[in-house]
PDB file of N, CA and C in Angstrom:
ATOM      1  N   UNK A   1     -60.835  63.963 -13.427  1.00  0.00           N
ATOM      2  CA  UNK A   1     -61.081  62.995 -14.473  1.00  0.00           C
ATOM      3  C   UNK A   1     -62.573  62.643 -14.493  1.00  0.00           C
ATOM      4  N   UNK A   2     -63.114  62.503 -15.674  1.00  0.00           N
ATOM      5  CA  UNK A   2     -64.537  62.200 -15.813  1.00  0.00           C
ATOM      6  C   UNK A   2     -64.856  60.777 -15.406  1.00  0.00           C
ATOM      7  N   UNK A   3     -66.091  60.581 -14.998  1.00  0.00           N
ATOM      8  CA  UNK A   3     -66.563  59.228 -14.726  1.00  0.00           C
ATOM      9  C   UNK A   3     -66.837  58.526 -16.046  1.00  0.00           C
ATOM     10  N   UNK A   4     -66.712  57.221 -16.049  1.00  0.00           N
ATOM     11  CA  UNK A   4     -67.037  56.432 -17.232  1.00  0.00           C
ATOM     12  C   UNK A   4     -68.521  56.115 -17.174  1.00  0.00           C
ATOM     13  N   UNK A   5     -69.221  56.325 -18.268  1.00  0.00           N
ATOM     14  CA  UNK A   5     -70.651  56.058 -18.281  1.00  0.00           C
ATOM     15  C   UNK A   5     -70.909  54.560 -18.440  1.00  0.00           C
ATOM     16  N   UNK A   6     -71.930  54.094 -17.737  1.00  0.00           N
ATOM     17  CA  UNK A   6     -72.377  52.711 -17.858  1.00  0.00           C
ATOM     18  C   UNK A   6     -73.228  52.579 -19.107  1.00  0.00           C
ATOM     19  N   UNK A   7     -73.005  51.538 -19.882  1.00  0.00           N
ATOM     20  CA  UNK A   7     -73.832  51.265 -21.045  1.00  0.00           C
ATOM     21  C   UNK A   7     -75.155  50.683 -20.546  1.00  0.00           C
ATOM     22  N   UNK A   8     -76.243  51.442 -20.695  1.00  0.00           N
ATOM     23  CA  UNK A   8     -77.521  51.056 -20.112  1.00  0.00           C
ATOM     24  C   UNK A   8     -78.077  49.775 -20.720  1.00  0.00           C
ATOM     25  N   UNK A   9     -77.823  49.540 -21.987  1.00  0.00           N
ATOM     26  CA  UNK A   9     -78.296  48.308 -22.619  1.00  0.00           C
ATOM     27  C   UNK A   9     -77.663  47.093 -21.950  1.00  0.00           C
ATOM     28  N   UNK A  10     -76.388  47.187 -21.597  1.00  0.00           N
ATOM     29  CA  UNK A  10     -75.696  46.073 -20.939  1.00  0.00           C
ATOM     30  C   UNK A  10     -76.171  45.907 -19.497  1.00  0.00           C
ATOM     31  N   UNK A  11     -76.459  47.004 -18.818  1.00  0.00           N
ATOM     32  CA  UNK A  11     -76.896  46.898 -17.426  1.00  0.00           C
ATOM     33  C   UNK A  11     -78.260  46.236 -17.310  1.00  0.00           C
ATOM     34  N   UNK A  12     -79.077  46.341 -18.355  1.00  0.00           N
ATOM     35  CA  UNK A  12     -80.379  45.684 -18.341  1.00  0.00           C
ATOM     36  C   UNK A  12     -80.277  44.202 -18.701  1.00  0.00           C
ATOM     37  N   UNK A  13     -79.239  43.803 -19.408  1.00  0.00           N
ATOM     38  CA  UNK A  13     -79.129  42.436 -19.904  1.00  0.00           C
ATOM     39  C   UNK A  13     -78.259  41.530 -19.049  1.00  0.00           C
ATOM     40  N   UNK A  14     -77.324  42.088 -18.304  1.00  0.00           N
ATOM     41  CA  UNK A  14     -76.375  41.276 -17.548  1.00  0.00           C
ATOM     42  C   UNK A  14     -76.441  41.622 -16.072  1.00  0.00           C
ATOM     43  N   UNK A  15     -76.348  40.588 -15.230  1.00  0.00           N
ATOM     44  CA  UNK A  15     -76.280  40.762 -13.783  1.00  0.00           C
ATOM     45  C   UNK A  15     -75.024  40.052 -13.302  1.00  0.00           C
ATOM     46  N   UNK A  16     -74.382  40.622 -12.298  1.00  0.00           N
ATOM     47  CA  UNK A  16     -73.158  40.026 -11.777  1.00  0.00           C
ATOM     48  C   UNK A  16     -73.492  39.148 -10.573  1.00  0.00           C
ATOM     49  N   UNK A  17     -72.818  38.000 -10.465  1.00  0.00           N
ATOM     50  CA  UNK A  17     -73.033  37.095  -9.344  1.00  0.00           C
ATOM     51  C   UNK A  17     -72.066  37.452  -8.220  1.00  0.00           C
ATOM     52  N   UNK A  18     -72.196  36.752  -7.100  1.00  0.00           N
ATOM     53  CA  UNK A  18     -71.330  37.010  -5.949  1.00  0.00           C
ATOM     54  C   UNK A  18     -69.882  36.641  -6.235  1.00  0.00           C
ATOM     55  N   UNK A  19     -69.669  35.700  -7.154  1.00  0.00           N
ATOM     56  CA  UNK A  19     -68.316  35.277  -7.496  1.00  0.00           C
ATOM     57  C   UNK A  19     -67.707  36.107  -8.619  1.00  0.00           C
ATOM     58  N   UNK A  20     -68.433  37.106  -9.126  1.00  0.00           N
ATOM     59  CA  UNK A  20     -67.901  37.977 -10.162  1.00  0.00           C
ATOM     60  C   UNK A  20     -68.185  37.507 -11.575  1.00  0.00           C
ATOM     61  N   UNK A  21     -69.039  36.504 -11.721  1.00  0.00           N
ATOM     62  CA  UNK A  21     -69.412  36.045 -13.057  1.00  0.00           C
ATOM     63  C   UNK A  21     -70.653  36.806 -13.507  1.00  0.00           C
ATOM     64  N   UNK A  22     -70.923  36.761 -14.805  1.00  0.00           N
ATOM     65  CA  UNK A  22     -72.062  37.486 -15.351  1.00  0.00           C
ATOM     66  C   UNK A  22     -73.147  36.525 -15.808  1.00  0.00           C
ATOM     67  N   UNK A  23     -74.388  36.782 -15.355  1.00  0.00           N
ATOM     68  CA  UNK A  23     -75.534  35.986 -15.780  1.00  0.00           C
ATOM     69  C   UNK A  23     -76.205  36.690 -16.946  1.00  0.00           C
ATOM     70  N   UNK A  24     -76.793  35.912 -17.842  1.00  0.00           N
ATOM     71  CA  UNK A  24     -77.536  36.486 -18.959  1.00  0.00           C
ATOM     72  C   UNK A  24     -78.700  35.580 -19.299  1.00  0.00           C
ATOM     73  N   UNK A  25     -79.651  36.121 -20.039  1.00  0.00           N
ATOM     74  CA  UNK A  25     -80.822  35.371 -20.458  1.00  0.00           C
ATOM     75  C   UNK A  25     -80.569  34.786 -21.843  1.00  0.00           C
ATOM     76  N   UNK A  26     -81.121  33.607 -22.101  1.00  0.00           N
ATOM     77  CA  UNK A  26     -80.933  32.952 -23.394  1.00  0.00           C
ATOM     78  C   UNK A  26     -81.726  33.637 -24.496  1.00  0.00           C
ATOM     79  N   UNK A  27     -81.229  33.514 -25.697  1.00  0.00           N
ATOM     80  CA  UNK A  27     -81.948  33.986 -26.879  1.00  0.00           C
ATOM     81  C   UNK A  27     -82.882  32.880 -27.376  1.00  0.00           C
ATOM     82  N   UNK A  28     -83.619  33.148 -28.438  1.00  0.00           N
ATOM     83  CA  UNK A  28     -84.514  32.199 -29.111  1.00  0.00           C
ATOM     84  C   UNK A  28     -85.707  31.784 -28.253  1.00  0.00           C
ATOM     85  N   UNK A  29     -86.188  32.677 -27.409  1.00  0.00           N
ATOM     86  CA  UNK A  29     -87.323  32.330 -26.561  1.00  0.00           C
ATOM     87  C   UNK A  29     -88.479  33.305 -26.757  1.00  0.00           C
ATOM     88  N   UNK A  30     -88.444  34.115 -27.794  1.00  0.00           N
ATOM     89  CA  UNK A  30     -89.469  35.144 -27.991  1.00  0.00           C
ATOM     90  C   UNK A  30     -90.627  34.688 -28.867  1.00  0.00           C
ATOM     91  N   UNK A  31     -90.345  34.075 -29.988  1.00  0.00           N
ATOM     92  CA  UNK A  31     -91.404  33.674 -30.918  1.00  0.00           C
ATOM     93  C   UNK A  31     -90.960  32.437 -31.681  1.00  0.00           C
ATOM     94  N   UNK A  32     -91.855  31.900 -32.497  1.00  0.00           N
ATOM     95  CA  UNK A  32     -91.653  30.644 -33.235  1.00  0.00           C
ATOM     96  C   UNK A  32     -91.291  29.524 -32.247  1.00  0.00           C
ATOM     97  N   UNK A  33     -92.130  29.363 -31.228  1.00  0.00           N
ATOM     98  CA  UNK A  33     -91.861  28.365 -30.202  1.00  0.00           C
ATOM     99  C   UNK A  33     -92.516  27.024 -30.506  1.00  0.00           C
ATOM    100  N   UNK A  34     -93.388  26.973 -31.514  1.00  0.00           N
ATOM    101  CA  UNK A  34     -94.114  25.727 -31.779  1.00  0.00           C
ATOM    102  C   UNK A  34     -93.205  24.648 -32.346  1.00  0.00           C
ATOM    103  N   UNK A  35     -92.196  25.031 -33.094  1.00  0.00           N
ATOM    104  CA  UNK A  35     -91.304  24.029 -33.676  1.00  0.00           C
ATOM    105  C   UNK A  35     -90.167  23.611 -32.746  1.00  0.00           C
ATOM    106  N   UNK A  36     -90.023  24.273 -31.613  1.00  0.00           N
ATOM    107  CA  UNK A  36     -88.985  23.908 -30.650  1.00  0.00           C
ATOM    108  C   UNK A  36     -89.547  22.884 -29.671  1.00  0.00           C
ATOM    109  N   UNK A  37     -88.720  21.956 -29.289  1.00  0.00           N
ATOM    110  CA  UNK A  37     -89.172  20.912 -28.375  1.00  0.00           C
ATOM    111  C   UNK A  37     -89.342  21.479 -26.961  1.00  0.00           C
ATOM    112  N   UNK A  38     -90.104  20.763 -26.159  1.00  0.00           N
ATOM    113  CA  UNK A  38     -90.349  21.192 -24.782  1.00  0.00           C
ATOM    114  C   UNK A  38     -89.054  21.203 -23.982  1.00  0.00           C
ATOM    115  N   UNK A  39     -88.197  20.224 -24.213  1.00  0.00           N
ATOM    116  CA  UNK A  39     -86.909  20.154 -23.521  1.00  0.00           C
ATOM    117  C   UNK A  39     -86.038  21.358 -23.870  1.00  0.00           C
ATOM    118  N   UNK A  40     -86.012  21.722 -25.131  1.00  0.00           N
ATOM    119  CA  UNK A  40     -85.223  22.864 -25.578  1.00  0.00           C
ATOM    120  C   UNK A  40     -85.726  24.157 -24.950  1.00  0.00           C
ATOM    121  N   UNK A  41     -87.043  24.339 -24.933  1.00  0.00           N
ATOM    122  CA  UNK A  41     -87.628  25.547 -24.338  1.00  0.00           C
ATOM    123  C   UNK A  41     -87.392  25.603 -22.834  1.00  0.00           C
ATOM    124  N   UNK A  42     -87.409  24.453 -22.188  1.00  0.00           N
ATOM    125  CA  UNK A  42     -87.176  24.408 -20.742  1.00  0.00           C
ATOM    126  C   UNK A  42     -85.751  24.822 -20.406  1.00  0.00           C
ATOM    127  N   UNK A  43     -84.787  24.415 -21.222  1.00  0.00           N
ATOM    128  CA  UNK A  43     -83.398  24.798 -20.982  1.00  0.00           C
ATOM    129  C   UNK A  43     -83.158  26.278 -21.296  1.00  0.00           C
ATOM    130  N   UNK A  44     -83.877  26.810 -22.247  1.00  0.00           N
ATOM    131  CA  UNK A  44     -83.727  28.233 -22.580  1.00  0.00           C
ATOM    132  C   UNK A  44     -84.337  29.143 -21.519  1.00  0.00           C
ATOM    133  N   UNK A  45     -85.235  28.603 -20.713  1.00  0.00           N
ATOM    134  CA  UNK A  45     -85.952  29.403 -19.730  1.00  0.00           C
ATOM    135  C   UNK A  45     -85.038  29.904 -18.612  1.00  0.00           C
ATOM    136  N   UNK A  46     -84.001  29.147 -18.311  1.00  0.00           N
ATOM    137  CA  UNK A  46     -83.134  29.486 -17.178  1.00  0.00           C
ATOM    138  C   UNK A  46     -82.006  30.419 -17.612  1.00  0.00           C
ATOM    139  N   UNK A  47     -81.480  31.155 -16.632  1.00  0.00           N
ATOM    140  CA  UNK A  47     -80.350  32.046 -16.897  1.00  0.00           C
ATOM    141  C   UNK A  47     -79.078  31.214 -17.061  1.00  0.00           C
ATOM    142  N   UNK A  48     -78.087  31.805 -17.714  1.00  0.00           N
ATOM    143  CA  UNK A  48     -76.836  31.104 -17.965  1.00  0.00           C
ATOM    144  C   UNK A  48     -75.671  32.013 -17.599  1.00  0.00           C
ATOM    145  N   UNK A  49     -74.524  31.412 -17.387  1.00  0.00           N
ATOM    146  CA  UNK A  49     -73.305  32.160 -17.072  1.00  0.00           C
ATOM    147  C   UNK A  49     -72.592  32.498 -18.380  1.00  0.00           C
ATOM    148  N   UNK A  50     -72.185  33.744 -18.498  1.00  0.00           N
ATOM    149  CA  UNK A  50     -71.481  34.202 -19.688  1.00  0.00           C
ATOM    150  C   UNK A  50     -70.076  33.598 -19.728  1.00  0.00           C
ATOM    151  N   UNK A  51     -69.584  33.160 -20.891  1.00  0.00           N
ATOM    152  CA  UNK A  51     -68.216  32.627 -20.965  1.00  0.00           C
ATOM    153  C   UNK A  51     -67.168  33.680 -20.596  1.00  0.00           C
ATOM    154  N   UNK A  52     -66.036  33.222 -20.077  1.00  0.00           N
ATOM    155  CA  UNK A  52     -64.992  34.135 -19.598  1.00  0.00           C
ATOM    156  C   UNK A  52     -64.418  35.031 -20.683  1.00  0.00           C
ATOM    157  N   UNK A  53     -64.469  34.591 -21.928  1.00  0.00           N
ATOM    158  CA  UNK A  53     -63.883  35.365 -23.016  1.00  0.00           C
ATOM    159  C   UNK A  53     -64.582  36.713 -23.202  1.00  0.00           C
ATOM    160  N   UNK A  54     -65.863  36.784 -22.795  1.00  0.00           N
ATOM    161  CA  UNK A  54     -66.629  38.023 -22.941  1.00  0.00           C
ATOM    162  C   UNK A  54     -66.574  38.909 -21.707  1.00  0.00           C
ATOM    163  N   UNK A  55     -66.003  38.435 -20.616  1.00  0.00           N
ATOM    164  CA  UNK A  55     -66.085  39.172 -19.362  1.00  0.00           C
ATOM    165  C   UNK A  55     -65.320  40.496 -19.401  1.00  0.00           C
ATOM    166  N   UNK A  56     -64.208  40.577 -20.127  1.00  0.00           N
ATOM    167  CA  UNK A  56     -63.474  41.843 -20.196  1.00  0.00           C
ATOM    168  C   UNK A  56     -64.260  42.896 -20.955  1.00  0.00           C
ATOM    169  N   UNK A  57     -65.002  42.474 -21.983  1.00  0.00           N
ATOM    170  CA  UNK A  57     -65.834  43.411 -22.731  1.00  0.00           C
ATOM    171  C   UNK A  57     -66.963  43.929 -21.864  1.00  0.00           C
ATOM    172  N   UNK A  58     -67.600  43.050 -21.113  1.00  0.00           N
ATOM    173  CA  UNK A  58     -68.709  43.448 -20.253  1.00  0.00           C
ATOM    174  C   UNK A  58     -68.216  44.349 -19.132  1.00  0.00           C
ATOM    175  N   UNK A  59     -66.988  44.131 -18.651  1.00  0.00           N
ATOM    176  CA  UNK A  59     -66.425  45.009 -17.612  1.00  0.00           C
ATOM    177  C   UNK A  59     -66.273  46.440 -18.098  1.00  0.00           C
ATOM    178  N   UNK A  60     -65.971  46.607 -19.386  1.00  0.00           N
ATOM    179  CA  UNK A  60     -65.870  47.962 -19.950  1.00  0.00           C
ATOM    180  C   UNK A  60     -67.235  48.624 -20.010  1.00  0.00           C
ATOM    181  N   UNK A  61     -68.272  47.827 -20.282  1.00  0.00           N
ATOM    182  CA  UNK A  61     -69.621  48.368 -20.374  1.00  0.00           C
ATOM    183  C   UNK A  61     -70.196  48.700 -19.005  1.00  0.00           C
ATOM    184  N   UNK A  62     -69.808  47.928 -17.986  1.00  0.00           N
ATOM    185  CA  UNK A  62     -70.345  48.081 -16.624  1.00  0.00           C
ATOM    186  C   UNK A  62     -69.209  48.395 -15.657  1.00  0.00           C
ATOM    187  N   UNK A  63     -68.660  49.592 -15.681  1.00  0.00           N
ATOM    188  CA  UNK A  63     -67.469  49.862 -14.876  1.00  0.00           C
ATOM    189  C   UNK A  63     -67.711  49.924 -13.371  1.00  0.00           C
ATOM    190  N   UNK A  64     -68.921  50.282 -12.924  1.00  0.00           N
ATOM    191  CA  UNK A  64     -69.163  50.491 -11.491  1.00  0.00           C
ATOM    192  C   UNK A  64     -70.061  49.433 -10.879  1.00  0.00           C
ATOM    193  N   UNK A  65     -70.276  48.329 -11.580  1.00  0.00           N
ATOM    194  CA  UNK A  65     -71.168  47.304 -11.052  1.00  0.00           C
ATOM    195  C   UNK A  65     -70.333  46.113 -10.594  1.00  0.00           C
TER     196      UNK A  65
END
């Protein structure tokens, strides 16, 4: 049986934690930052945990991680 290929785009965007959750980086932090408040930008700077509803999809993309 063939191996399942890892989706490289997903492997660059998501990291798995020790508890099996997936970390991801926030969007809206690339440009047009002048109109966003400092508090908003500070919260976007940190990584976040992906909601459980998406975890089965990410598992298909990252079968060996």
